[in-house]
Amino acid sequence: MATLFTKIINGEIPGELVWEDDVCVAFLNIAPLTRGHALVVPRAEVDQWTDLDPATMGHLMEVAATVGRAQLGAFGGKRVGVVIQGFEVPHAHVHVFPASSPDDFDLSAATPRDPADLAQDAVLLREALGR
C-alpha cells in the first residue's frame, strides 16, 4: 500500500509542492513548526533514512539546503532547522524549517495551518526557489 507521502507525490491527495525532481519532492508540512516548514521526501518508498542509498541521501540534503536558503529569504529566521525522525509516516523524510531559537525544534509543538495560508506560503517559497 502506498504511503501518505507517495499519494501526495502522485497527486492522489493534495499537497503544496515547492520542489520536484527525478529523485525527490519537497512540500509544505500541514502542521508546521514555523512558516514555510517543508518535508523533503524521496520518490522511492524507503521507511528508514538509514536505508537510503548514499546518492539519494546526499541529494535529499542538497535539496534541503536549497529549500532552507529559500525559506530564510521568504520567511526570515536565524538558522535553518533540519530534523530526521520518521515516526509520523513510514517513508523517509527530512523536515526543513526556518528557526529563530532552539524552541522551534519541538515537533510536539507543531500546529495545523489553514490550507489557504499554506497555499500562500507555498507561493512565497516557490518564488524564493525560482520555481
N, C-alpha and C. Protein backbone atom coordinates (compact mmCIF):
# COMPACT_ATOMS: atom_id res chain seq x y z
N MET A 1 0.84 -1.18 0.00
CA MET A 1 0.00 0.00 0.00
C MET A 1 0.88 1.25 0.00
N ALA A 2 0.53 2.22 -0.81
CA ALA A 2 1.30 3.45 -0.92
C ALA A 2 1.22 4.27 0.36
N THR A 3 2.34 4.91 0.70
CA THR A 3 2.34 5.76 1.89
C THR A 3 1.60 7.07 1.59
N LEU A 4 1.29 7.79 2.64
CA LEU A 4 0.67 9.11 2.52
C LEU A 4 1.53 10.00 1.63
N PHE A 5 2.85 9.93 1.80
CA PHE A 5 3.74 10.79 1.00
C PHE A 5 3.73 10.39 -0.46
N THR A 6 3.67 9.10 -0.76
CA THR A 6 3.58 8.67 -2.15
C THR A 6 2.29 9.17 -2.78
N LYS A 7 1.22 9.16 -2.02
CA LYS A 7 -0.06 9.67 -2.53
C LYS A 7 0.02 11.17 -2.83
N ILE A 8 0.75 11.92 -2.00
CA ILE A 8 0.96 13.34 -2.28
C ILE A 8 1.82 13.49 -3.54
N ILE A 9 2.91 12.73 -3.61
CA ILE A 9 3.81 12.79 -4.77
C ILE A 9 3.06 12.48 -6.06
N ASN A 10 2.17 11.49 -6.02
CA ASN A 10 1.41 11.07 -7.20
C ASN A 10 0.19 11.93 -7.49
N GLY A 11 -0.08 12.93 -6.64
CA GLY A 11 -1.22 13.81 -6.85
C GLY A 11 -2.56 13.19 -6.46
N GLU A 12 -2.52 12.09 -5.73
CA GLU A 12 -3.76 11.44 -5.30
C GLU A 12 -4.43 12.18 -4.16
N ILE A 13 -3.64 12.87 -3.35
CA ILE A 13 -4.18 13.74 -2.32
C ILE A 13 -3.43 15.07 -2.42
N PRO A 14 -4.06 16.16 -2.01
CA PRO A 14 -3.43 17.47 -2.20
C PRO A 14 -2.19 17.67 -1.32
N GLY A 15 -1.29 18.46 -1.85
CA GLY A 15 -0.09 18.86 -1.13
C GLY A 15 0.48 20.08 -1.81
N GLU A 16 1.10 20.95 -1.04
CA GLU A 16 1.71 22.17 -1.58
C GLU A 16 3.16 21.89 -1.94
N LEU A 17 3.37 21.35 -3.15
CA LEU A 17 4.72 21.05 -3.62
C LEU A 17 5.48 22.33 -3.92
N VAL A 18 6.73 22.38 -3.47
CA VAL A 18 7.58 23.54 -3.74
C VAL A 18 8.84 23.14 -4.49
N TRP A 19 9.12 21.85 -4.59
CA TRP A 19 10.28 21.33 -5.31
C TRP A 19 9.93 19.97 -5.86
N GLU A 20 10.41 19.69 -7.07
CA GLU A 20 10.17 18.38 -7.66
C GLU A 20 11.28 18.09 -8.64
N ASP A 21 11.89 16.92 -8.50
CA ASP A 21 12.87 16.44 -9.48
C ASP A 21 12.74 14.93 -9.58
N ASP A 22 13.65 14.29 -10.29
CA ASP A 22 13.54 12.85 -10.51
C ASP A 22 13.74 12.01 -9.25
N VAL A 23 14.41 12.57 -8.25
CA VAL A 23 14.77 11.82 -7.04
C VAL A 23 13.84 12.10 -5.88
N CYS A 24 13.41 13.36 -5.75
CA CYS A 24 12.63 13.74 -4.56
C CYS A 24 11.66 14.87 -4.85
N VAL A 25 10.83 15.13 -3.87
CA VAL A 25 9.95 16.29 -3.88
C VAL A 25 10.06 16.96 -2.52
N ALA A 26 9.64 18.21 -2.46
CA ALA A 26 9.50 18.92 -1.19
C ALA A 26 8.12 19.56 -1.19
N PHE A 27 7.44 19.42 -0.07
CA PHE A 27 6.12 20.03 0.07
C PHE A 27 5.97 20.55 1.49
N LEU A 28 5.05 21.50 1.64
CA LEU A 28 4.85 22.10 2.95
C LEU A 28 4.19 21.13 3.91
N ASN A 29 4.62 21.20 5.16
CA ASN A 29 4.04 20.39 6.23
C ASN A 29 2.71 21.03 6.62
N ILE A 30 1.67 20.21 6.75
CA ILE A 30 0.35 20.76 7.09
C ILE A 30 0.27 21.21 8.55
N ALA A 31 1.20 20.74 9.38
CA ALA A 31 1.28 21.16 10.78
C ALA A 31 2.72 21.65 11.03
N PRO A 32 3.02 22.85 10.54
CA PRO A 32 4.41 23.33 10.58
C PRO A 32 4.88 23.77 11.96
N LEU A 33 6.18 23.67 12.15
CA LEU A 33 6.80 24.25 13.34
C LEU A 33 6.89 25.75 13.19
N THR A 34 7.24 26.20 11.98
CA THR A 34 7.31 27.62 11.65
C THR A 34 6.79 27.76 10.22
N ARG A 35 6.48 28.99 9.80
CA ARG A 35 6.00 29.22 8.43
C ARG A 35 7.06 28.72 7.44
N GLY A 36 6.61 28.03 6.43
CA GLY A 36 7.49 27.54 5.39
C GLY A 36 8.07 26.16 5.65
N HIS A 37 7.74 25.56 6.78
CA HIS A 37 8.24 24.22 7.14
C HIS A 37 7.90 23.24 6.02
N ALA A 38 8.93 22.65 5.44
CA ALA A 38 8.76 21.72 4.33
C ALA A 38 9.31 20.34 4.69
N LEU A 39 8.84 19.35 3.96
CA LEU A 39 9.36 18.00 4.06
C LEU A 39 10.01 17.67 2.72
N VAL A 40 11.25 17.20 2.77
CA VAL A 40 11.95 16.75 1.57
C VAL A 40 11.87 15.22 1.60
N VAL A 41 11.26 14.65 0.56
CA VAL A 41 10.88 13.24 0.56
C VAL A 41 11.37 12.55 -0.71
N PRO A 42 12.06 11.42 -0.59
CA PRO A 42 12.45 10.70 -1.80
C PRO A 42 11.22 10.10 -2.48
N ARG A 43 11.28 10.02 -3.78
CA ARG A 43 10.18 9.36 -4.51
C ARG A 43 10.11 7.88 -4.14
N ALA A 44 11.24 7.26 -3.93
CA ALA A 44 11.27 5.85 -3.55
C ALA A 44 10.72 5.69 -2.14
N GLU A 45 9.88 4.70 -1.95
CA GLU A 45 9.33 4.42 -0.62
C GLU A 45 10.34 3.63 0.18
N VAL A 46 11.09 4.33 0.99
CA VAL A 46 12.06 3.72 1.89
C VAL A 46 11.68 4.19 3.29
N ASP A 47 11.44 3.27 4.19
CA ASP A 47 10.96 3.61 5.52
C ASP A 47 12.00 4.39 6.33
N GLN A 48 13.17 3.83 6.51
CA GLN A 48 14.18 4.43 7.38
C GLN A 48 15.21 5.20 6.55
N TRP A 49 15.53 6.40 6.97
CA TRP A 49 16.51 7.20 6.22
C TRP A 49 17.87 6.52 6.17
N THR A 50 18.16 5.70 7.17
CA THR A 50 19.44 4.99 7.19
C THR A 50 19.52 3.91 6.12
N ASP A 51 18.38 3.57 5.51
CA ASP A 51 18.37 2.58 4.44
C ASP A 51 18.44 3.21 3.05
N LEU A 52 18.45 4.53 2.98
CA LEU A 52 18.59 5.20 1.68
C LEU A 52 20.00 4.98 1.13
N ASP A 53 20.11 4.86 -0.17
CA ASP A 53 21.45 4.75 -0.75
C ASP A 53 22.14 6.11 -0.59
N PRO A 54 23.47 6.12 -0.51
CA PRO A 54 24.20 7.37 -0.25
C PRO A 54 23.90 8.48 -1.25
N ALA A 55 23.72 8.14 -2.52
CA ALA A 55 23.45 9.18 -3.52
C ALA A 55 22.11 9.85 -3.25
N THR A 56 21.09 9.06 -2.92
CA THR A 56 19.77 9.64 -2.63
C THR A 56 19.82 10.49 -1.37
N MET A 57 20.47 9.99 -0.33
CA MET A 57 20.58 10.77 0.91
C MET A 57 21.32 12.07 0.66
N GLY A 58 22.41 12.01 -0.09
CA GLY A 58 23.15 13.23 -0.41
C GLY A 58 22.29 14.22 -1.18
N HIS A 59 21.50 13.71 -2.13
CA HIS A 59 20.62 14.59 -2.90
C HIS A 59 19.55 15.22 -2.01
N LEU A 60 18.97 14.43 -1.11
CA LEU A 60 17.96 14.99 -0.19
C LEU A 60 18.54 16.14 0.61
N MET A 61 19.77 15.98 1.09
CA MET A 61 20.38 17.04 1.89
C MET A 61 20.72 18.27 1.04
N GLU A 62 21.12 18.06 -0.22
CA GLU A 62 21.35 19.20 -1.11
C GLU A 62 20.06 19.98 -1.34
N VAL A 63 18.97 19.26 -1.58
CA VAL A 63 17.67 19.91 -1.78
C VAL A 63 17.23 20.59 -0.48
N ALA A 64 17.45 19.93 0.66
CA ALA A 64 17.09 20.53 1.95
C ALA A 64 17.83 21.86 2.14
N ALA A 65 19.11 21.91 1.78
CA ALA A 65 19.88 23.14 1.91
C ALA A 65 19.34 24.22 0.98
N THR A 66 19.00 23.85 -0.25
CA THR A 66 18.44 24.81 -1.20
C THR A 66 17.11 25.36 -0.70
N VAL A 67 16.25 24.46 -0.24
CA VAL A 67 14.95 24.87 0.30
C VAL A 67 15.17 25.74 1.54
N GLY A 68 16.10 25.35 2.40
CA GLY A 68 16.37 26.13 3.61
C GLY A 68 16.82 27.55 3.32
N ARG A 69 17.71 27.72 2.35
CA ARG A 69 18.13 29.08 1.98
C ARG A 69 16.94 29.90 1.50
N ALA A 70 16.08 29.27 0.71
CA ALA A 70 14.89 29.96 0.22
C ALA A 70 13.93 30.30 1.36
N GLN A 71 13.81 29.39 2.33
CA GLN A 71 12.94 29.66 3.49
C GLN A 71 13.41 30.90 4.24
N LEU A 72 14.73 31.01 4.46
CA LEU A 72 15.25 32.18 5.17
C LEU A 72 14.92 33.45 4.41
N GLY A 73 15.04 33.40 3.08
CA GLY A 73 14.72 34.57 2.27
C GLY A 73 13.24 34.91 2.30
N ALA A 74 12.39 33.90 2.29
CA ALA A 74 10.94 34.13 2.23
C ALA A 74 10.31 34.41 3.59
N PHE A 75 10.83 33.78 4.65
CA PHE A 75 10.16 33.85 5.95
C PHE A 75 11.03 34.38 7.07
N GLY A 76 12.32 34.56 6.82
CA GLY A 76 13.23 35.03 7.87
C GLY A 76 13.60 33.91 8.81
N GLY A 77 14.36 34.27 9.82
CA GLY A 77 14.86 33.31 10.80
C GLY A 77 16.36 33.48 10.95
N LYS A 78 16.90 32.87 11.98
CA LYS A 78 18.34 32.96 12.24
C LYS A 78 19.10 31.76 11.67
N ARG A 79 18.43 30.65 11.56
CA ARG A 79 19.03 29.40 11.09
C ARG A 79 17.98 28.61 10.31
N VAL A 80 18.46 27.55 9.67
CA VAL A 80 17.55 26.58 9.06
C VAL A 80 17.64 25.32 9.90
N GLY A 81 16.51 24.87 10.38
CA GLY A 81 16.47 23.65 11.17
C GLY A 81 16.24 22.44 10.28
N VAL A 82 16.85 21.33 10.65
CA VAL A 82 16.66 20.06 9.96
C VAL A 82 16.44 18.99 11.02
N VAL A 83 15.39 18.20 10.84
CA VAL A 83 15.10 17.09 11.74
C VAL A 83 14.77 15.87 10.89
N ILE A 84 15.36 14.75 11.24
CA ILE A 84 15.02 13.47 10.61
C ILE A 84 14.63 12.54 11.75
N GLN A 85 13.35 12.14 11.78
CA GLN A 85 12.97 11.18 12.81
C GLN A 85 12.02 10.13 12.29
N GLY A 86 11.09 10.45 11.42
CA GLY A 86 10.32 9.44 10.72
C GLY A 86 9.28 8.64 11.47
N PHE A 87 8.76 9.15 12.57
CA PHE A 87 7.74 8.40 13.30
C PHE A 87 6.34 8.59 12.73
N GLU A 88 6.09 9.72 12.07
CA GLU A 88 4.73 10.03 11.61
C GLU A 88 4.30 9.19 10.42
N VAL A 89 5.20 9.03 9.45
CA VAL A 89 4.88 8.34 8.20
C VAL A 89 6.05 7.40 7.89
N PRO A 90 5.77 6.14 7.54
CA PRO A 90 6.86 5.18 7.27
C PRO A 90 7.46 5.38 5.87
N HIS A 91 7.96 6.58 5.63
CA HIS A 91 8.57 6.97 4.35
C HIS A 91 9.62 8.01 4.72
N ALA A 92 10.88 7.73 4.46
CA ALA A 92 11.97 8.63 4.85
C ALA A 92 11.65 10.07 4.44
N HIS A 93 11.97 11.02 5.32
CA HIS A 93 11.75 12.43 5.00
C HIS A 93 12.58 13.31 5.92
N VAL A 94 12.90 14.49 5.40
CA VAL A 94 13.69 15.46 6.13
C VAL A 94 12.81 16.68 6.38
N HIS A 95 12.63 17.05 7.65
CA HIS A 95 11.93 18.28 8.00
C HIS A 95 12.93 19.42 7.82
N VAL A 96 12.53 20.49 7.13
CA VAL A 96 13.37 21.66 6.91
C VAL A 96 12.51 22.88 7.23
N PHE A 97 13.03 23.76 8.11
CA PHE A 97 12.21 24.89 8.54
C PHE A 97 13.08 26.06 9.00
N PRO A 98 12.59 27.29 8.80
CA PRO A 98 13.31 28.43 9.34
C PRO A 98 13.16 28.43 10.87
N ALA A 99 14.27 28.69 11.56
CA ALA A 99 14.25 28.65 13.03
C ALA A 99 14.87 29.92 13.59
N SER A 100 14.31 30.37 14.69
CA SER A 100 14.84 31.55 15.38
C SER A 100 15.42 31.20 16.75
N SER A 101 15.08 30.00 17.25
CA SER A 101 15.60 29.59 18.55
C SER A 101 15.51 28.07 18.66
N PRO A 102 16.17 27.48 19.67
CA PRO A 102 16.05 26.04 19.87
C PRO A 102 14.61 25.58 20.12
N ASP A 103 13.77 26.46 20.62
CA ASP A 103 12.36 26.10 20.86
C ASP A 103 11.64 25.71 19.57
N ASP A 104 12.12 26.21 18.42
CA ASP A 104 11.48 25.90 17.14
C ASP A 104 11.66 24.45 16.71
N PHE A 105 12.47 23.68 17.44
CA PHE A 105 12.74 22.28 17.08
C PHE A 105 11.81 21.29 17.78
N ASP A 106 10.86 21.76 18.55
CA ASP A 106 9.96 20.89 19.30
C ASP A 106 8.84 20.40 18.40
N LEU A 107 8.98 19.20 17.85
CA LEU A 107 7.97 18.68 16.93
C LEU A 107 6.60 18.50 17.58
N SER A 108 6.56 18.38 18.89
CA SER A 108 5.26 18.25 19.56
C SER A 108 4.51 19.57 19.58
N ALA A 109 5.19 20.67 19.27
CA ALA A 109 4.54 21.98 19.26
C ALA A 109 3.96 22.34 17.90
N ALA A 110 4.07 21.47 16.92
CA ALA A 110 3.54 21.73 15.58
C ALA A 110 2.03 21.88 15.65
N THR A 111 1.51 22.85 14.89
CA THR A 111 0.07 23.08 14.87
C THR A 111 -0.43 23.14 13.43
N PRO A 112 -1.61 22.58 13.17
CA PRO A 112 -2.15 22.62 11.80
C PRO A 112 -2.29 24.06 11.31
N ARG A 113 -2.04 24.24 10.03
CA ARG A 113 -2.15 25.56 9.41
C ARG A 113 -3.28 25.51 8.39
N ASP A 114 -4.01 26.60 8.28
CA ASP A 114 -5.12 26.71 7.34
C ASP A 114 -4.62 26.44 5.91
N PRO A 115 -5.33 25.63 5.13
CA PRO A 115 -4.89 25.33 3.76
C PRO A 115 -4.66 26.58 2.90
N ALA A 116 -5.47 27.60 3.07
CA ALA A 116 -5.28 28.84 2.30
C ALA A 116 -3.97 29.52 2.68
N ASP A 117 -3.64 29.50 3.98
CA ASP A 117 -2.36 30.08 4.42
C ASP A 117 -1.19 29.26 3.90
N LEU A 118 -1.33 27.92 3.89
CA LEU A 118 -0.29 27.07 3.33
C LEU A 118 -0.07 27.38 1.85
N ALA A 119 -1.16 27.57 1.13
CA ALA A 119 -1.05 27.88 -0.30
C ALA A 119 -0.29 29.18 -0.52
N GLN A 120 -0.55 30.19 0.32
CA GLN A 120 0.17 31.47 0.21
C GLN A 120 1.65 31.27 0.55
N ASP A 121 1.92 30.49 1.58
CA ASP A 121 3.32 30.21 1.94
C ASP A 121 4.03 29.48 0.81
N ALA A 122 3.33 28.55 0.16
CA ALA A 122 3.93 27.81 -0.95
C ALA A 122 4.29 28.74 -2.10
N VAL A 123 3.44 29.71 -2.39
CA VAL A 123 3.74 30.68 -3.45
C VAL A 123 5.01 31.45 -3.09
N LEU A 124 5.10 31.92 -1.86
CA LEU A 124 6.30 32.65 -1.43
C LEU A 124 7.55 31.80 -1.54
N LEU A 125 7.46 30.55 -1.11
CA LEU A 125 8.63 29.68 -1.15
C LEU A 125 9.00 29.30 -2.58
N ARG A 126 8.01 29.04 -3.43
CA ARG A 126 8.31 28.73 -4.84
C ARG A 126 9.00 29.93 -5.50
N GLU A 127 8.52 31.14 -5.20
CA GLU A 127 9.15 32.33 -5.76
C GLU A 127 10.60 32.45 -5.29
N ALA A 128 10.83 32.20 -4.00
CA ALA A 128 12.19 32.26 -3.47
C ALA A 128 13.09 31.18 -4.09
N LEU A 129 12.49 30.07 -4.49
CA LEU A 129 13.24 28.98 -5.13
C LEU A 129 13.37 29.22 -6.65
N GLY A 130 12.68 30.23 -7.16
CA GLY A 130 12.72 30.48 -8.60
C GLY A 130 11.92 29.49 -9.40
N ARG A 131 10.86 28.95 -8.78
CA ARG A 131 10.02 27.93 -9.46
C ARG A 131 8.63 28.44 -9.69
